[in-house]
């Protein structure tokens, strides 16, 4: 089984568990160049808030969008946008990625800036 198929299998298990809980979820995706975060509603059909290093506001202040420092900025940005909309509690969907490096940095920054998960 390839690495991508393994990641997708892990992501599917996580998403099924979150769907049982019926809560909003913070979805994270990372590529080599960027990191993306979205908060999706309980039904999984509507994006409520999003942030990424590909956005002009964050991308201009970064030299590289694919490192830990960029992930911290995205975590802070998604948390401030979510609290402005009135979202406090979410479930963290790491999309099958391991909880280390950029994923961990994004989650820690989001927690420090007001999100609870």
N, C-alpha and C. Protein backbone atom coordinates (compact mmCIF):
# COMPACT_ATOMS: atom_id res chain seq x y z
N UNK A 1 0.85 -1.18 0.00
CA UNK A 1 0.00 0.00 0.00
C UNK A 1 0.89 1.24 0.00
N UNK A 2 0.57 2.18 -0.85
CA UNK A 2 1.38 3.39 -0.97
C UNK A 2 1.13 4.32 0.23
N UNK A 3 2.01 5.28 0.36
CA UNK A 3 1.88 6.24 1.46
C UNK A 3 0.59 7.04 1.34
N UNK A 4 0.23 7.42 0.12
CA UNK A 4 -0.98 8.21 -0.07
C UNK A 4 -2.22 7.40 0.29
N UNK A 5 -2.28 6.14 -0.12
CA UNK A 5 -3.43 5.31 0.22
C UNK A 5 -3.53 5.07 1.72
N UNK A 6 -2.39 4.92 2.38
CA UNK A 6 -2.38 4.75 3.83
C UNK A 6 -2.93 6.00 4.52
N UNK A 7 -2.52 7.17 4.04
CA UNK A 7 -3.00 8.43 4.62
C UNK A 7 -4.49 8.59 4.41
N UNK A 8 -4.98 8.24 3.24
CA UNK A 8 -6.41 8.36 2.96
C UNK A 8 -7.21 7.39 3.83
N UNK A 9 -6.69 6.20 4.07
CA UNK A 9 -7.36 5.24 4.94
C UNK A 9 -7.45 5.77 6.37
N UNK A 10 -6.35 6.34 6.86
CA UNK A 10 -6.37 6.92 8.21
C UNK A 10 -7.34 8.09 8.27
N UNK A 11 -7.39 8.90 7.23
CA UNK A 11 -8.29 10.06 7.21
C UNK A 11 -9.74 9.60 7.24
N UNK A 12 -10.07 8.55 6.53
CA UNK A 12 -11.44 8.06 6.48
C UNK A 12 -11.92 7.63 7.87
N UNK A 13 -11.06 6.94 8.62
CA UNK A 13 -11.43 6.51 9.96
C UNK A 13 -11.69 7.71 10.88
N UNK A 14 -10.84 8.71 10.78
CA UNK A 14 -11.00 9.91 11.60
C UNK A 14 -12.29 10.64 11.27
N UNK A 15 -12.58 10.78 9.99
CA UNK A 15 -13.77 11.51 9.57
C UNK A 15 -15.05 10.79 9.95
N UNK A 16 -15.05 9.46 9.94
CA UNK A 16 -16.23 8.72 10.38
C UNK A 16 -16.50 8.96 11.86
N UNK A 17 -15.45 8.98 12.67
CA UNK A 17 -15.60 9.23 14.10
C UNK A 17 -16.12 10.65 14.35
N UNK A 18 -15.61 11.62 13.62
CA UNK A 18 -16.05 13.01 13.78
C UNK A 18 -17.50 13.15 13.34
N UNK A 19 -17.90 12.43 12.29
CA UNK A 19 -19.29 12.49 11.83
C UNK A 19 -20.24 11.93 12.88
N UNK A 20 -19.81 10.91 13.63
CA UNK A 20 -20.63 10.38 14.73
C UNK A 20 -20.83 11.41 15.81
N UNK A 21 -19.79 12.20 16.08
CA UNK A 21 -19.88 13.22 17.12
C UNK A 21 -20.79 14.37 16.71
N UNK A 22 -20.86 14.66 15.42
CA UNK A 22 -21.71 15.74 14.92
C UNK A 22 -21.26 17.12 15.32
N UNK A 23 -19.96 17.39 15.19
CA UNK A 23 -19.42 18.70 15.53
C UNK A 23 -18.71 19.30 14.31
N UNK A 24 -18.41 20.58 14.40
CA UNK A 24 -17.64 21.23 13.35
C UNK A 24 -16.23 20.66 13.37
N UNK A 25 -15.57 20.67 12.20
CA UNK A 25 -14.22 20.12 12.18
C UNK A 25 -13.24 21.07 11.50
N UNK A 26 -12.04 21.08 12.03
CA UNK A 26 -10.94 21.84 11.47
C UNK A 26 -10.14 20.87 10.60
N UNK A 27 -10.22 21.04 9.28
CA UNK A 27 -9.56 20.16 8.33
C UNK A 27 -8.25 20.81 7.91
N UNK A 28 -7.18 20.03 7.93
CA UNK A 28 -5.86 20.52 7.57
C UNK A 28 -5.33 19.71 6.39
N UNK A 29 -4.76 20.39 5.42
CA UNK A 29 -4.07 19.73 4.31
C UNK A 29 -2.74 20.41 4.12
N UNK A 30 -1.72 19.62 3.86
CA UNK A 30 -0.40 20.21 3.62
C UNK A 30 0.18 19.68 2.32
N UNK A 31 0.84 20.56 1.61
CA UNK A 31 1.61 20.18 0.44
C UNK A 31 3.05 20.61 0.70
N UNK A 32 3.92 20.41 -0.25
CA UNK A 32 5.30 20.82 -0.03
C UNK A 32 5.45 22.33 0.05
N UNK A 33 4.58 23.05 -0.65
CA UNK A 33 4.72 24.51 -0.73
C UNK A 33 3.77 25.28 0.19
N UNK A 34 2.64 24.69 0.57
CA UNK A 34 1.62 25.43 1.32
C UNK A 34 0.98 24.53 2.37
N UNK A 35 0.24 25.18 3.28
CA UNK A 35 -0.59 24.47 4.25
C UNK A 35 -1.94 25.18 4.28
N UNK A 36 -3.00 24.39 4.32
CA UNK A 36 -4.36 24.91 4.23
C UNK A 36 -5.16 24.44 5.44
N UNK A 37 -6.07 25.28 5.93
CA UNK A 37 -6.95 24.91 7.04
C UNK A 37 -8.34 25.45 6.76
N UNK A 38 -9.35 24.62 7.04
CA UNK A 38 -10.75 25.03 6.85
C UNK A 38 -11.56 24.53 8.03
N UNK A 39 -12.56 25.29 8.42
CA UNK A 39 -13.52 24.81 9.40
C UNK A 39 -14.81 24.54 8.64
N UNK A 40 -15.27 23.29 8.74
CA UNK A 40 -16.44 22.82 8.00
C UNK A 40 -17.57 22.56 8.98
N UNK A 41 -18.81 22.86 8.57
CA UNK A 41 -19.96 22.69 9.47
C UNK A 41 -20.23 21.21 9.76
N UNK A 42 -21.24 20.98 10.63
CA UNK A 42 -21.53 19.64 11.12
C UNK A 42 -21.93 18.66 10.02
N UNK A 43 -22.62 19.17 8.99
CA UNK A 43 -23.07 18.29 7.91
C UNK A 43 -21.95 17.97 6.92
N UNK A 44 -20.90 18.76 6.92
CA UNK A 44 -19.78 18.53 6.03
C UNK A 44 -19.98 19.11 4.64
N UNK A 45 -20.93 20.04 4.50
CA UNK A 45 -21.23 20.57 3.18
C UNK A 45 -20.82 22.03 2.99
N UNK A 46 -20.53 22.74 4.06
CA UNK A 46 -20.27 24.16 3.94
C UNK A 46 -18.99 24.54 4.68
N UNK A 47 -18.13 25.29 4.01
CA UNK A 47 -16.92 25.81 4.64
C UNK A 47 -17.28 27.11 5.35
N UNK A 48 -17.02 27.16 6.65
CA UNK A 48 -17.37 28.33 7.44
C UNK A 48 -16.23 29.35 7.46
N UNK A 49 -15.00 28.87 7.64
CA UNK A 49 -13.83 29.74 7.73
C UNK A 49 -12.65 29.01 7.08
N UNK A 50 -11.78 29.74 6.42
CA UNK A 50 -10.59 29.11 5.85
C UNK A 50 -9.39 30.04 5.96
N UNK A 51 -8.21 29.43 5.95
CA UNK A 51 -6.95 30.17 5.96
C UNK A 51 -5.89 29.29 5.32
N UNK A 52 -4.95 29.92 4.64
CA UNK A 52 -3.86 29.16 4.03
C UNK A 52 -2.69 30.08 3.74
N UNK A 53 -1.56 29.47 3.45
CA UNK A 53 -0.39 30.25 3.08
C UNK A 53 -0.49 30.74 1.65
N UNK A 54 -1.45 30.23 0.90
CA UNK A 54 -1.66 30.68 -0.48
C UNK A 54 -2.43 31.99 -0.54
N UNK A 55 -3.04 32.39 0.57
CA UNK A 55 -3.74 33.68 0.62
C UNK A 55 -2.74 34.82 0.53
N UNK A 56 -3.17 35.89 -0.09
CA UNK A 56 -2.28 37.02 -0.28
C UNK A 56 -1.84 37.63 1.05
N UNK A 57 -2.75 37.70 2.02
CA UNK A 57 -2.43 38.33 3.30
C UNK A 57 -1.31 37.58 4.04
N UNK A 58 -1.37 36.27 4.04
CA UNK A 58 -0.33 35.49 4.72
C UNK A 58 0.87 35.23 3.83
N UNK A 59 0.64 35.02 2.56
CA UNK A 59 1.72 34.67 1.65
C UNK A 59 2.76 35.75 1.47
N UNK A 60 2.34 37.00 1.55
CA UNK A 60 3.29 38.10 1.38
C UNK A 60 4.28 38.20 2.53
N UNK A 61 3.86 37.81 3.73
CA UNK A 61 4.74 37.93 4.88
C UNK A 61 5.66 36.73 5.07
N UNK A 62 5.52 35.71 4.22
CA UNK A 62 6.30 34.49 4.37
C UNK A 62 7.29 34.31 3.23
N UNK A 63 8.46 33.81 3.58
CA UNK A 63 9.42 33.47 2.54
C UNK A 63 9.10 32.09 1.97
N UNK A 64 8.70 31.17 2.85
CA UNK A 64 8.38 29.80 2.45
C UNK A 64 7.06 29.41 3.11
N UNK A 65 6.10 28.93 2.35
CA UNK A 65 4.80 28.55 2.89
C UNK A 65 4.73 27.13 3.38
N UNK A 66 5.81 26.37 3.28
CA UNK A 66 5.77 24.96 3.65
C UNK A 66 6.62 24.63 4.85
N UNK A 67 6.69 25.51 5.83
CA UNK A 67 7.49 25.21 7.03
C UNK A 67 6.67 25.42 8.29
N UNK A 68 7.27 25.17 9.43
CA UNK A 68 6.58 25.24 10.72
C UNK A 68 6.14 26.66 11.04
N UNK A 69 6.94 27.64 10.70
CA UNK A 69 6.58 29.04 10.97
C UNK A 69 5.32 29.42 10.21
N UNK A 70 5.20 28.97 8.98
CA UNK A 70 4.00 29.24 8.18
C UNK A 70 2.79 28.56 8.79
N UNK A 71 2.97 27.34 9.29
CA UNK A 71 1.86 26.62 9.92
C UNK A 71 1.37 27.34 11.17
N UNK A 72 2.28 27.91 11.93
CA UNK A 72 1.88 28.67 13.11
C UNK A 72 1.04 29.89 12.73
N UNK A 73 1.44 30.57 11.67
CA UNK A 73 0.66 31.73 11.22
C UNK A 73 -0.73 31.33 10.74
N UNK A 74 -0.82 30.20 10.03
CA UNK A 74 -2.13 29.73 9.56
C UNK A 74 -3.00 29.34 10.75
N UNK A 75 -2.43 28.69 11.76
CA UNK A 75 -3.18 28.33 12.96
C UNK A 75 -3.71 29.54 13.69
N UNK A 76 -2.88 30.56 13.80
CA UNK A 76 -3.32 31.80 14.44
C UNK A 76 -4.41 32.47 13.62
N UNK A 77 -4.26 32.50 12.31
CA UNK A 77 -5.23 33.13 11.43
C UNK A 77 -6.58 32.43 11.48
N UNK A 78 -6.58 31.10 11.43
CA UNK A 78 -7.85 30.36 11.44
C UNK A 78 -8.55 30.53 12.78
N UNK A 79 -7.78 30.61 13.87
CA UNK A 79 -8.39 30.77 15.19
C UNK A 79 -9.03 32.16 15.34
N UNK A 80 -8.36 33.18 14.87
CA UNK A 80 -8.92 34.53 14.98
C UNK A 80 -10.15 34.69 14.10
N UNK A 81 -10.12 34.11 12.90
CA UNK A 81 -11.29 34.18 12.03
C UNK A 81 -12.47 33.41 12.62
N UNK A 82 -12.19 32.26 13.24
CA UNK A 82 -13.25 31.44 13.82
C UNK A 82 -13.88 32.13 15.03
N UNK A 83 -13.08 32.73 15.88
CA UNK A 83 -13.65 33.41 17.04
C UNK A 83 -14.44 34.64 16.62
N UNK A 84 -14.05 35.27 15.52
CA UNK A 84 -14.80 36.41 15.02
C UNK A 84 -16.19 35.99 14.54
N UNK A 85 -16.29 34.78 14.02
CA UNK A 85 -17.58 34.27 13.55
C UNK A 85 -18.39 33.68 14.70
N UNK A 86 -17.73 33.34 15.80
CA UNK A 86 -18.42 32.78 16.96
C UNK A 86 -18.20 31.28 17.14
N UNK A 87 -17.18 30.75 16.54
CA UNK A 87 -16.87 29.32 16.66
C UNK A 87 -15.79 29.16 17.73
N UNK A 88 -16.07 28.31 18.71
CA UNK A 88 -15.10 28.05 19.77
C UNK A 88 -14.66 26.60 19.80
N UNK A 89 -15.63 25.66 19.75
CA UNK A 89 -15.32 24.24 19.89
C UNK A 89 -15.39 23.54 18.54
N UNK A 90 -14.34 22.76 18.25
CA UNK A 90 -14.26 22.03 17.00
C UNK A 90 -13.61 20.68 17.25
N UNK A 91 -13.63 19.84 16.23
CA UNK A 91 -12.87 18.59 16.23
C UNK A 91 -11.73 18.77 15.23
N UNK A 92 -10.57 18.23 15.53
CA UNK A 92 -9.39 18.40 14.68
C UNK A 92 -9.27 17.23 13.72
N UNK A 93 -9.37 17.51 12.43
CA UNK A 93 -9.24 16.50 11.38
C UNK A 93 -7.90 16.72 10.70
N UNK A 94 -6.94 15.87 10.98
CA UNK A 94 -5.60 16.05 10.45
C UNK A 94 -5.42 15.42 9.08
N UNK A 95 -6.49 14.90 8.49
CA UNK A 95 -6.50 14.33 7.14
C UNK A 95 -5.52 13.17 6.98
N UNK A 96 -5.32 12.42 8.03
CA UNK A 96 -4.45 11.25 7.97
C UNK A 96 -2.97 11.55 8.13
N UNK A 97 -2.61 12.83 8.22
CA UNK A 97 -1.21 13.18 8.44
C UNK A 97 -0.84 12.91 9.89
N UNK A 98 0.41 12.61 10.13
CA UNK A 98 0.87 12.37 11.50
C UNK A 98 0.89 13.68 12.28
N UNK A 99 0.62 13.59 13.57
CA UNK A 99 0.55 14.77 14.43
C UNK A 99 1.96 15.14 14.88
N UNK A 100 2.69 15.71 13.95
CA UNK A 100 4.04 16.18 14.23
C UNK A 100 4.40 17.25 13.23
N UNK A 101 5.40 18.03 13.53
CA UNK A 101 5.87 19.06 12.60
C UNK A 101 4.85 20.15 12.34
N UNK A 102 4.51 20.34 11.06
CA UNK A 102 3.62 21.44 10.67
C UNK A 102 2.20 21.25 11.19
N UNK A 103 1.71 20.02 11.23
CA UNK A 103 0.36 19.76 11.72
C UNK A 103 0.27 20.09 13.21
N UNK A 104 1.26 19.67 13.96
CA UNK A 104 1.28 19.96 15.40
C UNK A 104 1.42 21.46 15.66
N UNK A 105 2.23 22.15 14.87
CA UNK A 105 2.42 23.59 15.03
C UNK A 105 1.12 24.34 14.76
N UNK A 106 0.40 23.94 13.73
CA UNK A 106 -0.88 24.58 13.41
C UNK A 106 -1.88 24.36 14.54
N UNK A 107 -1.97 23.14 15.04
CA UNK A 107 -2.92 22.82 16.11
C UNK A 107 -2.59 23.59 17.38
N UNK A 108 -1.33 23.66 17.73
CA UNK A 108 -0.91 24.36 18.94
C UNK A 108 -1.22 25.86 18.83
N UNK A 109 -0.95 26.44 17.68
CA UNK A 109 -1.23 27.87 17.48
C UNK A 109 -2.73 28.14 17.53
N UNK A 110 -3.52 27.24 16.99
CA UNK A 110 -4.98 27.42 17.02
C UNK A 110 -5.50 27.34 18.46
N UNK A 111 -4.96 26.40 19.24
CA UNK A 111 -5.36 26.28 20.65
C UNK A 111 -4.97 27.51 21.44
N UNK A 112 -3.77 28.01 21.22
CA UNK A 112 -3.29 29.18 21.95
C UNK A 112 -4.10 30.43 21.64
N UNK A 113 -4.74 30.46 20.48
CA UNK A 113 -5.50 31.64 20.08
C UNK A 113 -7.00 31.49 20.23
N UNK A 114 -7.46 30.49 21.01
CA UNK A 114 -8.85 30.47 21.40
C UNK A 114 -9.70 29.30 20.96
N UNK A 115 -9.22 28.41 20.09
CA UNK A 115 -10.03 27.26 19.70
C UNK A 115 -9.87 26.13 20.70
N UNK A 116 -10.96 25.39 20.92
CA UNK A 116 -10.95 24.28 21.88
C UNK A 116 -11.23 23.00 21.11
N UNK A 117 -10.29 22.05 21.19
CA UNK A 117 -10.48 20.73 20.60
C UNK A 117 -9.61 19.71 21.28
